[in-house]
PDB file of all heavy atoms in Angstrom:
ATOM      1  N   ASN A   1     -47.989 -15.043  85.234  1.00  0.00           N
ATOM      2  CA  ASN A   1     -48.653 -14.214  86.251  1.00  0.00           C
ATOM      3  C   ASN A   1     -47.672 -13.153  86.720  1.00  0.00           C
ATOM      4  O   ASN A   1     -46.452 -13.335  86.660  1.00  0.00           O
ATOM      5  CB  ASN A   1     -49.149 -15.059  87.432  1.00  0.00           C
ATOM      6  CG  ASN A   1     -48.047 -15.866  88.085  1.00  0.00           C
ATOM      7  OD1 ASN A   1     -47.192 -15.312  88.768  1.00  0.00           O
ATOM      8  ND2 ASN A   1     -48.078 -17.189  87.892  1.00  0.00           N
ATOM      9  N   GLY A   2     -48.221 -12.030  87.148  1.00  0.00           N
ATOM     10  CA  GLY A   2     -47.330 -10.990  87.633  1.00  0.00           C
ATOM     11  C   GLY A   2     -47.925  -9.608  87.633  1.00  0.00           C
ATOM     12  O   GLY A   2     -49.116  -9.404  87.385  1.00  0.00           O
ATOM     13  N   ASN A   3     -47.061  -8.633  87.892  1.00  0.00           N
ATOM     14  CA  ASN A   3     -47.400  -7.215  87.919  1.00  0.00           C
ATOM     15  C   ASN A   3     -46.146  -6.442  87.552  1.00  0.00           C
ATOM     16  O   ASN A   3     -45.160  -7.030  87.099  1.00  0.00           O
ATOM     17  CB  ASN A   3     -47.942  -6.822  89.305  1.00  0.00           C
ATOM     18  CG  ASN A   3     -47.042  -7.308  90.428  1.00  0.00           C
ATOM     19  OD1 ASN A   3     -45.812  -7.273  90.309  1.00  0.00           O
ATOM     20  ND2 ASN A   3     -47.646  -7.789  91.511  1.00  0.00           N
ATOM     21  N   VAL A   4     -46.181  -5.155  87.740  1.00  0.00           N
ATOM     22  CA  VAL A   4     -45.019  -4.342  87.365  1.00  0.00           C
ATOM     23  C   VAL A   4     -43.767  -4.795  88.113  1.00  0.00           C
ATOM     24  O   VAL A   4     -42.680  -4.909  87.545  1.00  0.00           O
ATOM     25  CB  VAL A   4     -45.280  -2.844  87.632  1.00  0.00           C
ATOM     26  CG1 VAL A   4     -44.004  -2.023  87.414  1.00  0.00           C
ATOM     27  CG2 VAL A   4     -46.397  -2.333  86.744  1.00  0.00           C
ATOM     28  N   GLU A   5     -43.928  -5.120  89.377  1.00  0.00           N
ATOM     29  CA  GLU A   5     -42.788  -5.452  90.230  1.00  0.00           C
ATOM     30  C   GLU A   5     -42.163  -6.804  89.895  1.00  0.00           C
ATOM     31  O   GLU A   5     -40.944  -6.951  89.934  1.00  0.00           O
ATOM     32  CB  GLU A   5     -43.232  -5.450  91.701  1.00  0.00           C
ATOM     33  CG  GLU A   5     -42.095  -5.544  92.709  1.00  0.00           C
ATOM     34  CD  GLU A   5     -41.284  -4.263  92.825  1.00  0.00           C
ATOM     35  OE1 GLU A   5     -41.811  -3.173  92.474  1.00  0.00           O
ATOM     36  OE2 GLU A   5     -40.122  -4.350  93.240  1.00  0.00           O
ATOM     37  N   GLU A   6     -42.999  -7.783  89.560  1.00  0.00           N
ATOM     38  CA  GLU A   6     -42.461  -9.110  89.278  1.00  0.00           C
ATOM     39  C   GLU A   6     -43.418  -9.910  88.409  1.00  0.00           C
ATOM     40  O   GLU A   6     -44.623  -9.932  88.660  1.00  0.00           O
ATOM     41  CB  GLU A   6     -42.197  -9.874  90.580  1.00  0.00           C
ATOM     42  CG  GLU A   6     -41.539 -11.228  90.381  1.00  0.00           C
ATOM     43  CD  GLU A   6     -41.152 -11.879  91.699  1.00  0.00           C
ATOM     44  OE1 GLU A   6     -40.197 -11.390  92.337  1.00  0.00           O
ATOM     45  OE2 GLU A   6     -41.806 -12.857  92.087  1.00  0.00           O
ATOM     46  N   THR A   7     -42.874 -10.567  87.397  1.00  0.00           N
ATOM     47  CA  THR A   7     -43.668 -11.423  86.513  1.00  0.00           C
ATOM     48  C   THR A   7     -42.941 -12.746  86.321  1.00  0.00           C
ATOM     49  O   THR A   7     -41.712 -12.781  86.200  1.00  0.00           O
ATOM     50  CB  THR A   7     -43.885 -10.748  85.140  1.00  0.00           C
ATOM     51  OG1 THR A   7     -44.613  -9.532  85.329  1.00  0.00           O
ATOM     52  CG2 THR A   7     -44.670 -11.654  84.196  1.00  0.00           C
ATOM     53  N   THR A   8     -43.710 -13.826  86.293  1.00  0.00           N
ATOM     54  CA  THR A   8     -43.132 -15.153  86.087  1.00  0.00           C
ATOM     55  C   THR A   8     -43.803 -15.829  84.889  1.00  0.00           C
ATOM     56  O   THR A   8     -45.034 -15.849  84.781  1.00  0.00           O
ATOM     57  CB  THR A   8     -43.306 -16.033  87.331  1.00  0.00           C
ATOM     58  OG1 THR A   8     -42.743 -15.350  88.465  1.00  0.00           O
ATOM     59  CG2 THR A   8     -42.590 -17.367  87.144  1.00  0.00           C
ATOM     60  N   LEU A   9     -42.963 -16.351  83.997  1.00  0.00           N
ATOM     61  CA  LEU A   9     -43.427 -17.096  82.825  1.00  0.00           C
ATOM     62  C   LEU A   9     -43.069 -18.567  83.042  1.00  0.00           C
ATOM     63  O   LEU A   9     -41.965 -18.892  83.493  1.00  0.00           O
ATOM     64  CB  LEU A   9     -42.730 -16.610  81.552  1.00  0.00           C
ATOM     65  CG  LEU A   9     -42.821 -15.116  81.227  1.00  0.00           C
ATOM     66  CD1 LEU A   9     -41.806 -14.762  80.153  1.00  0.00           C
ATOM     67  CD2 LEU A   9     -44.209 -14.776  80.755  1.00  0.00           C
ATOM     68  N   TYR A  10     -43.996 -19.459  82.691  1.00  0.00           N
ATOM     69  CA  TYR A  10     -43.758 -20.890  82.813  1.00  0.00           C
ATOM     70  C   TYR A  10     -43.833 -21.529  81.423  1.00  0.00           C
ATOM     71  O   TYR A  10     -44.871 -21.471  80.763  1.00  0.00           O
ATOM     72  CB  TYR A  10     -44.790 -21.544  83.734  1.00  0.00           C
ATOM     73  CG  TYR A  10     -44.754 -21.024  85.153  1.00  0.00           C
ATOM     74  CD1 TYR A  10     -45.498 -19.908  85.528  1.00  0.00           C
ATOM     75  CD2 TYR A  10     -43.971 -21.648  86.125  1.00  0.00           C
ATOM     76  CE1 TYR A  10     -45.470 -19.434  86.830  1.00  0.00           C
ATOM     77  CE2 TYR A  10     -43.933 -21.186  87.427  1.00  0.00           C
ATOM     78  CZ  TYR A  10     -44.683 -20.074  87.781  1.00  0.00           C
ATOM     79  OH  TYR A  10     -44.645 -19.597  89.072  1.00  0.00           O
ATOM     80  N   TYR A  11     -42.733 -22.124  80.990  1.00  0.00           N
ATOM     81  CA  TYR A  11     -42.656 -22.737  79.664  1.00  0.00           C
ATOM     82  C   TYR A  11     -42.420 -24.240  79.789  1.00  0.00           C
ATOM     83  O   TYR A  11     -41.783 -24.708  80.739  1.00  0.00           O
ATOM     84  CB  TYR A  11     -41.485 -22.168  78.863  1.00  0.00           C
ATOM     85  CG  TYR A  11     -41.654 -20.753  78.375  1.00  0.00           C
ATOM     86  CD1 TYR A  11     -41.220 -19.687  79.142  1.00  0.00           C
ATOM     87  CD2 TYR A  11     -42.234 -20.490  77.131  1.00  0.00           C
ATOM     88  CE1 TYR A  11     -41.356 -18.380  78.689  1.00  0.00           C
ATOM     89  CE2 TYR A  11     -42.381 -19.192  76.673  1.00  0.00           C
ATOM     90  CZ  TYR A  11     -41.944 -18.141  77.449  1.00  0.00           C
ATOM     91  OH  TYR A  11     -42.075 -16.849  77.002  1.00  0.00           O
ATOM     92  N   ILE A  12     -42.922 -24.969  78.780  1.00  0.00           N
ATOM     93  CA  ILE A  12     -42.405 -26.312  78.550  1.00  0.00           C
ATOM     94  C   ILE A  12     -41.741 -26.304  77.177  1.00  0.00           C
ATOM     95  O   ILE A  12     -42.191 -25.619  76.251  1.00  0.00           O
ATOM     96  CB  ILE A  12     -43.485 -27.408  78.650  1.00  0.00           C
ATOM     97  CG1 ILE A  12     -44.613 -27.203  77.629  1.00  0.00           C
ATOM     98  CG2 ILE A  12     -44.034 -27.471  80.069  1.00  0.00           C
ATOM     99  CD1 ILE A  12     -45.598 -28.352  77.587  1.00  0.00           C
ATOM    100  N   ILE A  13     -40.656 -27.055  77.058  1.00  0.00           N
ATOM    101  CA  ILE A  13     -39.850 -27.114  75.835  1.00  0.00           C
ATOM    102  C   ILE A  13     -39.834 -28.551  75.360  1.00  0.00           C
ATOM    103  O   ILE A  13     -39.564 -29.469  76.153  1.00  0.00           O
ATOM    104  CB  ILE A  13     -38.417 -26.624  76.113  1.00  0.00           C
ATOM    105  CG1 ILE A  13     -38.447 -25.198  76.673  1.00  0.00           C
ATOM    106  CG2 ILE A  13     -37.568 -26.685  74.837  1.00  0.00           C
ATOM    107  CD1 ILE A  13     -37.142 -24.767  77.304  1.00  0.00           C
ATOM    108  N   ARG A  14     -40.125 -28.771  74.069  1.00  0.00           N
ATOM    109  CA  ARG A  14     -40.262 -30.132  73.560  1.00  0.00           C
ATOM    110  C   ARG A  14     -39.610 -30.279  72.190  1.00  0.00           C
ATOM    111  O   ARG A  14     -39.709 -29.397  71.340  1.00  0.00           O
ATOM    112  CB  ARG A  14     -41.748 -30.504  73.429  1.00  0.00           C
ATOM    113  CG  ARG A  14     -42.563 -30.399  74.721  1.00  0.00           C
ATOM    114  CD  ARG A  14     -42.201 -31.512  75.669  1.00  0.00           C
ATOM    115  NE  ARG A  14     -43.071 -31.603  76.831  1.00  0.00           N
ATOM    116  CZ  ARG A  14     -42.791 -31.079  78.025  1.00  0.00           C
ATOM    117  NH1 ARG A  14     -41.658 -30.405  78.189  1.00  0.00           N
ATOM    118  NH2 ARG A  14     -43.624 -31.241  79.036  1.00  0.00           N
ATOM    119  N   ASP A  15     -38.967 -31.424  71.959  1.00  0.00           N
ATOM    120  CA  ASP A  15     -38.494 -31.803  70.627  1.00  0.00           C
ATOM    121  C   ASP A  15     -38.116 -33.278  70.628  1.00  0.00           C
ATOM    122  O   ASP A  15     -37.552 -33.773  71.606  1.00  0.00           O
ATOM    123  CB  ASP A  15     -37.290 -30.961  70.183  1.00  0.00           C
ATOM    124  CG  ASP A  15     -37.238 -30.841  68.665  1.00  0.00           C
ATOM    125  OD1 ASP A  15     -37.007 -31.877  67.994  1.00  0.00           O
ATOM    126  OD2 ASP A  15     -37.448 -29.742  68.149  1.00  0.00           O
ATOM    127  N   HIS A  16     -38.435 -33.990  69.544  1.00  0.00           N
ATOM    128  CA  HIS A  16     -38.064 -35.394  69.443  1.00  0.00           C
ATOM    129  C   HIS A  16     -36.560 -35.562  69.214  1.00  0.00           C
ATOM    130  O   HIS A  16     -35.955 -36.515  69.696  1.00  0.00           O
ATOM    131  CB  HIS A  16     -38.828 -36.070  68.293  1.00  0.00           C
ATOM    132  CG  HIS A  16     -40.276 -36.298  68.601  1.00  0.00           C
ATOM    133  ND1 HIS A  16     -41.248 -35.389  68.254  1.00  0.00           N
ATOM    134  CD2 HIS A  16     -40.910 -37.314  69.232  1.00  0.00           C
ATOM    135  CE1 HIS A  16     -42.424 -35.851  68.656  1.00  0.00           C
ATOM    136  NE2 HIS A  16     -42.257 -37.008  69.252  1.00  0.00           N
ATOM    137  N   ASP A  17     -35.968 -34.638  68.475  1.00  0.00           N
ATOM    138  CA  ASP A  17     -34.547 -34.692  68.165  1.00  0.00           C
ATOM    139  C   ASP A  17     -33.748 -34.110  69.332  1.00  0.00           C
ATOM    140  O   ASP A  17     -33.972 -32.964  69.739  1.00  0.00           O
ATOM    141  CB  ASP A  17     -34.267 -33.916  66.885  1.00  0.00           C
ATOM    142  CG  ASP A  17     -32.824 -33.988  66.462  1.00  0.00           C
ATOM    143  OD1 ASP A  17     -32.002 -33.229  67.012  1.00  0.00           O
ATOM    144  OD2 ASP A  17     -32.510 -34.803  65.570  1.00  0.00           O
ATOM    145  N   ARG A  18     -32.808 -34.881  69.863  1.00  0.00           N
ATOM    146  CA  ARG A  18     -32.077 -34.434  71.061  1.00  0.00           C
ATOM    147  C   ARG A  18     -31.254 -33.184  70.786  1.00  0.00           C
ATOM    148  O   ARG A  18     -31.180 -32.269  71.635  1.00  0.00           O
ATOM    149  CB  ARG A  18     -31.180 -35.574  71.563  1.00  0.00           C
ATOM    150  CG  ARG A  18     -30.484 -35.282  72.892  1.00  0.00           C
ATOM    151  CD  ARG A  18     -31.458 -35.103  74.039  1.00  0.00           C
ATOM    152  NE  ARG A  18     -30.773 -34.900  75.302  1.00  0.00           N
ATOM    153  CZ  ARG A  18     -30.480 -35.864  76.156  1.00  0.00           C
ATOM    154  NH1 ARG A  18     -30.809 -37.120  75.896  1.00  0.00           N
ATOM    155  NH2 ARG A  18     -29.860 -35.597  77.289  1.00  0.00           N
ATOM    156  N   ASP A  19     -30.616 -33.084  69.615  1.00  0.00           N
ATOM    157  CA  ASP A  19     -29.819 -31.905  69.303  1.00  0.00           C
ATOM    158  C   ASP A  19     -30.690 -30.655  69.200  1.00  0.00           C
ATOM    159  O   ASP A  19     -30.326 -29.587  69.715  1.00  0.00           O
ATOM    160  CB  ASP A  19     -29.042 -32.116  68.003  1.00  0.00           C
ATOM    161  CG  ASP A  19     -27.944 -33.159  68.139  1.00  0.00           C
ATOM    162  OD1 ASP A  19     -27.501 -33.410  69.282  1.00  0.00           O
ATOM    163  OD2 ASP A  19     -27.528 -33.722  67.108  1.00  0.00           O
ATOM    164  N   LYS A  20     -31.833 -30.794  68.541  1.00  0.00           N
ATOM    165  CA  LYS A  20     -32.744 -29.647  68.425  1.00  0.00           C
ATOM    166  C   LYS A  20     -33.312 -29.256  69.788  1.00  0.00           C
ATOM    167  O   LYS A  20     -33.535 -28.076  70.073  1.00  0.00           O
ATOM    168  CB  LYS A  20     -33.877 -29.973  67.455  1.00  0.00           C
ATOM    169  CG  LYS A  20     -33.422 -30.113  66.008  1.00  0.00           C
ATOM    170  CD  LYS A  20     -34.593 -30.457  65.101  1.00  0.00           C
ATOM    171  CE  LYS A  20     -34.132 -30.585  63.645  1.00  0.00           C
ATOM    172  NZ  LYS A  20     -35.252 -30.969  62.742  1.00  0.00           N
ATOM    173  N   PHE A  21     -33.544 -30.246  70.621  1.00  0.00           N
ATOM    174  CA  PHE A  21     -34.023 -30.004  71.985  1.00  0.00           C
ATOM    175  C   PHE A  21     -33.018 -29.168  72.768  1.00  0.00           C
ATOM    176  O   PHE A  21     -33.371 -28.162  73.412  1.00  0.00           O
ATOM    177  CB  PHE A  21     -34.251 -31.354  72.656  1.00  0.00           C
ATOM    178  CG  PHE A  21     -34.541 -31.306  74.128  1.00  0.00           C
ATOM    179  CD1 PHE A  21     -35.697 -30.710  74.618  1.00  0.00           C
ATOM    180  CD2 PHE A  21     -33.666 -31.905  75.035  1.00  0.00           C
ATOM    181  CE1 PHE A  21     -35.974 -30.698  75.980  1.00  0.00           C
ATOM    182  CE2 PHE A  21     -33.930 -31.904  76.397  1.00  0.00           C
ATOM    183  CZ  PHE A  21     -35.087 -31.298  76.865  1.00  0.00           C
ATOM    184  N   GLU A  22     -31.746 -29.555  72.691  1.00  0.00           N
ATOM    185  CA  GLU A  22     -30.707 -28.811  73.408  1.00  0.00           C
ATOM    186  C   GLU A  22     -30.574 -27.390  72.860  1.00  0.00           C
ATOM    187  O   GLU A  22     -30.345 -26.441  73.610  1.00  0.00           O
ATOM    188  CB  GLU A  22     -29.375 -29.546  73.316  1.00  0.00           C
ATOM    189  CG  GLU A  22     -29.367 -30.924  73.978  1.00  0.00           C
ATOM    190  CD  GLU A  22     -29.593 -30.866  75.481  1.00  0.00           C
ATOM    191  OE1 GLU A  22     -29.339 -29.800  76.084  1.00  0.00           O
ATOM    192  OE2 GLU A  22     -30.020 -31.892  76.052  1.00  0.00           O
ATOM    193  N   GLU A  23     -30.736 -27.248  71.542  1.00  0.00           N
ATOM    194  CA  GLU A  23     -30.652 -25.921  70.926  1.00  0.00           C
ATOM    195  C   GLU A  23     -31.801 -25.034  71.391  1.00  0.00           C
ATOM    196  O   GLU A  23     -31.616 -23.831  71.614  1.00  0.00           O
ATOM    197  CB  GLU A  23     -30.668 -26.042  69.401  1.00  0.00           C
ATOM    198  CG  GLU A  23     -30.610 -24.708  68.660  1.00  0.00           C
ATOM    199  CD  GLU A  23     -29.416 -23.847  69.057  1.00  0.00           C
ATOM    200  OE1 GLU A  23     -28.336 -24.396  69.348  1.00  0.00           O
ATOM    201  OE2 GLU A  23     -29.586 -22.603  69.080  1.00  0.00           O
ATOM    202  N   LYS A  24     -32.987 -25.603  71.549  1.00  0.00           N
ATOM    203  CA  LYS A  24     -34.131 -24.825  72.038  1.00  0.00           C
ATOM    204  C   LYS A  24     -33.852 -24.289  73.447  1.00  0.00           C
ATOM    205  O   LYS A  24     -34.162 -23.136  73.773  1.00  0.00           O
ATOM    206  CB  LYS A  24     -35.404 -25.674  72.030  1.00  0.00           C
ATOM    207  CG  LYS A  24     -36.069 -25.781  70.666  1.00  0.00           C
ATOM    208  CD  LYS A  24     -37.361 -26.596  70.731  1.00  0.00           C
ATOM    209  CE  LYS A  24     -38.154 -26.454  69.449  1.00  0.00           C
ATOM    210  NZ  LYS A  24     -37.440 -26.863  68.253  1.00  0.00           N
ATOM    211  N   LYS A  25     -33.274 -25.142  74.281  1.00  0.00           N
ATOM    212  CA  LYS A  25     -32.955 -24.697  75.635  1.00  0.00           C
ATOM    213  C   LYS A  25     -31.919 -23.568  75.604  1.00  0.00           C
ATOM    214  O   LYS A  25     -32.041 -22.578  76.355  1.00  0.00           O
ATOM    215  CB  LYS A  25     -32.444 -25.878  76.463  1.00  0.00           C
ATOM    216  CG  LYS A  25     -33.496 -26.933  76.751  1.00  0.00           C
ATOM    217  CD  LYS A  25     -33.035 -27.923  77.809  1.00  0.00           C
ATOM    218  CE  LYS A  25     -31.866 -28.749  77.362  1.00  0.00           C
ATOM    219  NZ  LYS A  25     -31.398 -29.685  78.403  1.00  0.00           N
ATOM    220  N   ARG A  26     -30.911 -23.727  74.747  1.00  0.00           N
ATOM    221  CA  ARG A  26     -29.882 -22.669  74.642  1.00  0.00           C
ATOM    222  C   ARG A  26     -30.501 -21.368  74.144  1.00  0.00           C
ATOM    223  O   ARG A  26     -30.135 -20.280  74.619  1.00  0.00           O
ATOM    224  CB  ARG A  26     -28.765 -23.120  73.701  1.00  0.00           C
ATOM    225  CG  ARG A  26     -27.836 -24.168  74.300  1.00  0.00           C
ATOM    226  CD  ARG A  26     -26.575 -24.344  73.473  1.00  0.00           C
ATOM    227  NE  ARG A  26     -26.852 -24.945  72.171  1.00  0.00           N
ATOM    228  CZ  ARG A  26     -26.853 -26.259  71.950  1.00  0.00           C
ATOM    229  NH1 ARG A  26     -26.594 -27.100  72.928  1.00  0.00           N
ATOM    230  NH2 ARG A  26     -27.104 -26.725  70.745  1.00  0.00           N
ATOM    231  N   LYS A  27     -31.416 -21.465  73.191  1.00  0.00           N
ATOM    232  CA  LYS A  27     -32.055 -20.275  72.639  1.00  0.00           C
ATOM    233  C   LYS A  27     -32.790 -19.507  73.730  1.00  0.00           C
ATOM    234  O   LYS A  27     -32.673 -18.268  73.824  1.00  0.00           O
ATOM    235  CB  LYS A  27     -33.047 -20.691  71.542  1.00  0.00           C
ATOM    236  CG  LYS A  27     -33.924 -19.566  71.004  1.00  0.00           C
ATOM    237  CD  LYS A  27     -33.158 -18.585  70.160  1.00  0.00           C
ATOM    238  CE  LYS A  27     -34.094 -17.579  69.505  1.00  0.00           C
ATOM    239  NZ  LYS A  27     -33.370 -16.579  68.700  1.00  0.00           N
ATOM    240  N   LEU A  28     -33.531 -20.207  74.564  1.00  0.00           N
ATOM    241  CA  LEU A  28     -34.263 -19.524  75.626  1.00  0.00           C
ATOM    242  C   LEU A  28     -33.308 -18.830  76.594  1.00  0.00           C
ATOM    243  O   LEU A  28     -33.542 -17.681  77.009  1.00  0.00           O
ATOM    244  CB  LEU A  28     -35.147 -20.530  76.365  1.00  0.00           C
ATOM    245  CG  LEU A  28     -36.145 -19.943  77.357  1.00  0.00           C
ATOM    246  CD1 LEU A  28     -37.470 -20.710  77.314  1.00  0.00           C
ATOM    247  CD2 LEU A  28     -35.587 -19.985  78.784  1.00  0.00           C
ATOM    248  N   MET A  29     -32.202 -19.477  76.919  1.00  0.00           N
ATOM    249  CA  MET A  29     -31.221 -18.861  77.813  1.00  0.00           C
ATOM    250  C   MET A  29     -30.563 -17.646  77.176  1.00  0.00           C
ATOM    251  O   MET A  29     -30.305 -16.639  77.846  1.00  0.00           O
ATOM    252  CB  MET A  29     -30.156 -19.890  78.192  1.00  0.00           C
ATOM    253  CG  MET A  29     -30.677 -21.067  79.009  1.00  0.00           C
ATOM    254  SD  MET A  29     -31.397 -20.604  80.600  1.00  0.00           S
ATOM    255  CE  MET A  29     -29.965 -19.918  81.432  1.00  0.00           C
ATOM    256  N   LYS A  30     -30.320 -17.718  75.860  1.00  0.00           N
ATOM    257  CA  LYS A  30     -29.704 -16.590  75.162  1.00  0.00           C
ATOM    258  C   LYS A  30     -30.618 -15.374  75.154  1.00  0.00           C
ATOM    259  O   LYS A  30     -30.153 -14.228  75.240  1.00  0.00           O
ATOM    260  CB  LYS A  30     -29.351 -16.995  73.736  1.00  0.00           C
ATOM    261  CG  LYS A  30     -28.145 -17.916  73.623  1.00  0.00           C
ATOM    262  CD  LYS A  30     -27.889 -18.325  72.180  1.00  0.00           C
ATOM    263  CE  LYS A  30     -26.708 -19.275  72.067  1.00  0.00           C
ATOM    264  NZ  LYS A  30     -26.509 -19.744  70.667  1.00  0.00           N
ATOM    265  N   VAL A  31     -31.923 -15.594  75.044  1.00  0.00           N
ATOM    266  CA  VAL A  31     -32.872 -14.481  75.089  1.00  0.00           C
ATOM    267  C   VAL A  31     -32.788 -13.790  76.449  1.00  0.00           C
ATOM    268  O   VAL A  31     -32.758 -12.557  76.535  1.00  0.00           O
ATOM    269  CB  VAL A  31     -34.311 -14.966  74.810  1.00  0.00           C
ATOM    270  CG1 VAL A  31     -35.320 -13.856  75.106  1.00  0.00           C
ATOM    271  CG2 VAL A  31     -34.443 -15.416  73.359  1.00  0.00           C
ATOM    272  N   ALA A  32     -32.718 -14.593  77.514  1.00  0.00           N
ATOM    273  CA  ALA A  32     -32.594 -14.010  78.850  1.00  0.00           C
ATOM    274  C   ALA A  32     -31.308 -13.213  78.989  1.00  0.00           C
ATOM    275  O   ALA A  32     -31.304 -12.090  79.526  1.00  0.00           O
ATOM    276  CB  ALA A  32     -32.651 -15.120  79.901  1.00  0.00           C
ATOM    277  N   GLU A  33     -30.213 -13.760  78.497  1.00  0.00           N
ATOM    278  CA  GLU A  33     -28.923 -13.066  78.568  1.00  0.00           C
ATOM    279  C   GLU A  33     -28.958 -11.761  77.782  1.00  0.00           C
ATOM    280  O   GLU A  33     -28.451 -10.721  78.246  1.00  0.00           O
ATOM    281  CB  GLU A  33     -27.811 -13.968  78.034  1.00  0.00           C
ATOM    282  CG  GLU A  33     -27.533 -15.180  78.916  1.00  0.00           C
ATOM    283  CD  GLU A  33     -26.617 -16.188  78.242  1.00  0.00           C
ATOM    284  OE1 GLU A  33     -26.084 -15.853  77.156  1.00  0.00           O
ATOM    285  OE2 GLU A  33     -26.435 -17.301  78.777  1.00  0.00           O
ATOM    286  N   TYR A  34     -29.551 -11.808  76.588  1.00  0.00           N
ATOM    287  CA  TYR A  34     -29.612 -10.610  75.751  1.00  0.00           C
ATOM    288  C   TYR A  34     -30.401  -9.496  76.447  1.00  0.00           C
ATOM    289  O   TYR A  34     -29.954  -8.324  76.480  1.00  0.00           O
ATOM    290  CB  TYR A  34     -30.264 -10.944  74.415  1.00  0.00           C
ATOM    291  CG  TYR A  34     -30.569  -9.716  73.578  1.00  0.00           C
ATOM    292  CD1 TYR A  34     -29.581  -9.120  72.797  1.00  0.00           C
ATOM    293  CD2 TYR A  34     -31.837  -9.134  73.604  1.00  0.00           C
ATOM    294  CE1 TYR A  34     -29.853  -7.975  72.065  1.00  0.00           C
ATOM    295  CE2 TYR A  34     -32.120  -7.998  72.864  1.00  0.00           C
ATOM    296  CZ  TYR A  34     -31.125  -7.421  72.096  1.00  0.00           C
ATOM    297  OH  TYR A  34     -31.394  -6.292  71.369  1.00  0.00           O
ATOM    298  N   LEU A  35     -31.550  -9.832  77.013  1.00  0.00           N
ATOM    299  CA  LEU A  35     -32.380  -8.801  77.641  1.00  0.00           C
ATOM    300  C   LEU A  35     -31.726  -8.256  78.904  1.00  0.00           C
ATOM    301  O   LEU A  35     -31.814  -7.052  79.186  1.00  0.00           O
ATOM    302  CB  LEU A  35     -33.768  -9.370  77.951  1.00  0.00           C
ATOM    303  CG  LEU A  35     -34.661  -9.612  76.720  1.00  0.00           C
ATOM    304  CD1 LEU A  35     -35.954 -10.305  77.124  1.00  0.00           C
ATOM    305  CD2 LEU A  35     -34.974  -8.305  76.006  1.00  0.00           C
ATOM    306  N   ASN A  36     -31.066  -9.109  79.659  1.00  0.00           N
ATOM    307  CA  ASN A  36     -30.342  -8.620  80.836  1.00  0.00           C
ATOM    308  C   ASN A  36     -29.261  -7.626  80.425  1.00  0.00           C
ATOM    309  O   ASN A  36     -29.084  -6.575  81.058  1.00  0.00           O
ATOM    310  CB  ASN A  36     -29.721  -9.783  81.609  1.00  0.00           C
ATOM    311  CG  ASN A  36     -30.725 -10.500  82.494  1.00  0.00           C
ATOM    312  OD1 ASN A  36     -31.705  -9.916  82.937  1.00  0.00           O
ATOM    313  ND2 ASN A  36     -30.475 -11.776  82.759  1.00  0.00           N
ATOM    314  N   ASP A  37     -28.520  -7.958  79.351  1.00  0.00           N
ATOM    315  CA  ASP A  37     -27.480  -7.055  78.855  1.00  0.00           C
ATOM    316  C   ASP A  37     -28.101  -5.754  78.351  1.00  0.00           C
ATOM    317  O   ASP A  37     -27.554  -4.659  78.580  1.00  0.00           O
ATOM    318  CB  ASP A  37     -26.695  -7.719  77.722  1.00  0.00           C
ATOM    319  CG  ASP A  37     -25.796  -8.841  78.219  1.00  0.00           C
ATOM    320  OD1 ASP A  37     -25.555  -8.896  79.437  1.00  0.00           O
ATOM    321  OD2 ASP A  37     -25.360  -9.656  77.387  1.00  0.00           O
ATOM    322  N   ASP A  38     -29.232  -5.867  77.653  1.00  0.00           N
ATOM    323  CA  ASP A  38     -29.889  -4.688  77.083  1.00  0.00           C
ATOM    324  C   ASP A  38     -30.391  -3.750  78.180  1.00  0.00           C
ATOM    325  O   ASP A  38     -30.282  -2.524  78.062  1.00  0.00           O
ATOM    326  CB  ASP A  38     -31.040  -5.141  76.182  1.00  0.00           C
ATOM    327  CG  ASP A  38     -31.670  -3.986  75.434  1.00  0.00           C
ATOM    328  OD1 ASP A  38     -30.939  -3.278  74.709  1.00  0.00           O
ATOM    329  OD2 ASP A  38     -32.894  -3.791  75.567  1.00  0.00           O
ATOM    330  N   ILE A  39     -30.920  -4.323  79.264  1.00  0.00           N
ATOM    331  CA  ILE A  39     -31.450  -3.523  80.362  1.00  0.00           C
ATOM    332  C   ILE A  39     -30.317  -2.963  81.221  1.00  0.00           C
ATOM    333  O   ILE A  39     -30.439  -1.901  81.823  1.00  0.00           O
ATOM    334  CB  ILE A  39     -32.425  -4.369  81.204  1.00  0.00           C
ATOM    335  CG1 ILE A  39     -33.658  -4.712  80.359  1.00  0.00           C
ATOM    336  CG2 ILE A  39     -32.843  -3.650  82.482  1.00  0.00           C
ATOM    337  CD1 ILE A  39     -34.505  -5.814  80.936  1.00  0.00           C
ATOM    338  N   GLY A  40     -29.217  -3.683  81.255  1.00  0.00           N
ATOM    339  CA  GLY A  40     -28.066  -3.215  82.013  1.00  0.00           C
ATOM    340  C   GLY A  40     -27.969  -3.778  83.408  1.00  0.00           C
ATOM    341  O   GLY A  40     -27.077  -3.391  84.173  1.00  0.00           O
ATOM    342  N   GLU A  41     -28.858  -4.663  83.750  1.00  0.00           N
ATOM    343  CA  GLU A  41     -28.772  -5.358  85.036  1.00  0.00           C
ATOM    344  C   GLU A  41     -29.521  -6.693  84.916  1.00  0.00           C
ATOM    345  O   GLU A  41     -30.337  -6.897  84.028  1.00  0.00           O
ATOM    346  CB  GLU A  41     -29.358  -4.522  86.170  1.00  0.00           C
ATOM    347  CG  GLU A  41     -30.801  -4.095  85.977  1.00  0.00           C
ATOM    348  CD  GLU A  41     -31.275  -3.204  87.122  1.00  0.00           C
ATOM    349  OE1 GLU A  41     -31.538  -3.750  88.216  1.00  0.00           O
ATOM    350  OE2 GLU A  41     -31.374  -1.982  86.910  1.00  0.00           O
ATOM    351  N   LYS A  42     -29.216  -7.590  85.857  1.00  0.00           N
ATOM    352  CA  LYS A  42     -29.797  -8.929  85.776  1.00  0.00           C
ATOM    353  C   LYS A  42     -31.186  -8.930  86.410  1.00  0.00           C
ATOM    354  O   LYS A  42     -31.345  -9.131  87.613  1.00  0.00           O
ATOM    355  CB  LYS A  42     -28.897  -9.956  86.460  1.00  0.00           C
ATOM    356  CG  LYS A  42     -29.344 -11.395  86.221  1.00  0.00           C
ATOM    357  CD  LYS A  42     -28.361 -12.393  86.812  1.00  0.00           C
ATOM    358  CE  LYS A  42     -28.804 -13.828  86.525  1.00  0.00           C
ATOM    359  NZ  LYS A  42     -27.847 -14.822  87.064  1.00  0.00           N
TER     360      LYS A  42
END
């Protein structure tokens, strides 16, 4: 939900394998970091 000023995404992350589960969480955080760097602000 959201608009130009603010948007919120709600995800659930799932995996039976614990290592793959942790990697999925890291991947989502890396996407956030990349876009913040690309935009130039957090």
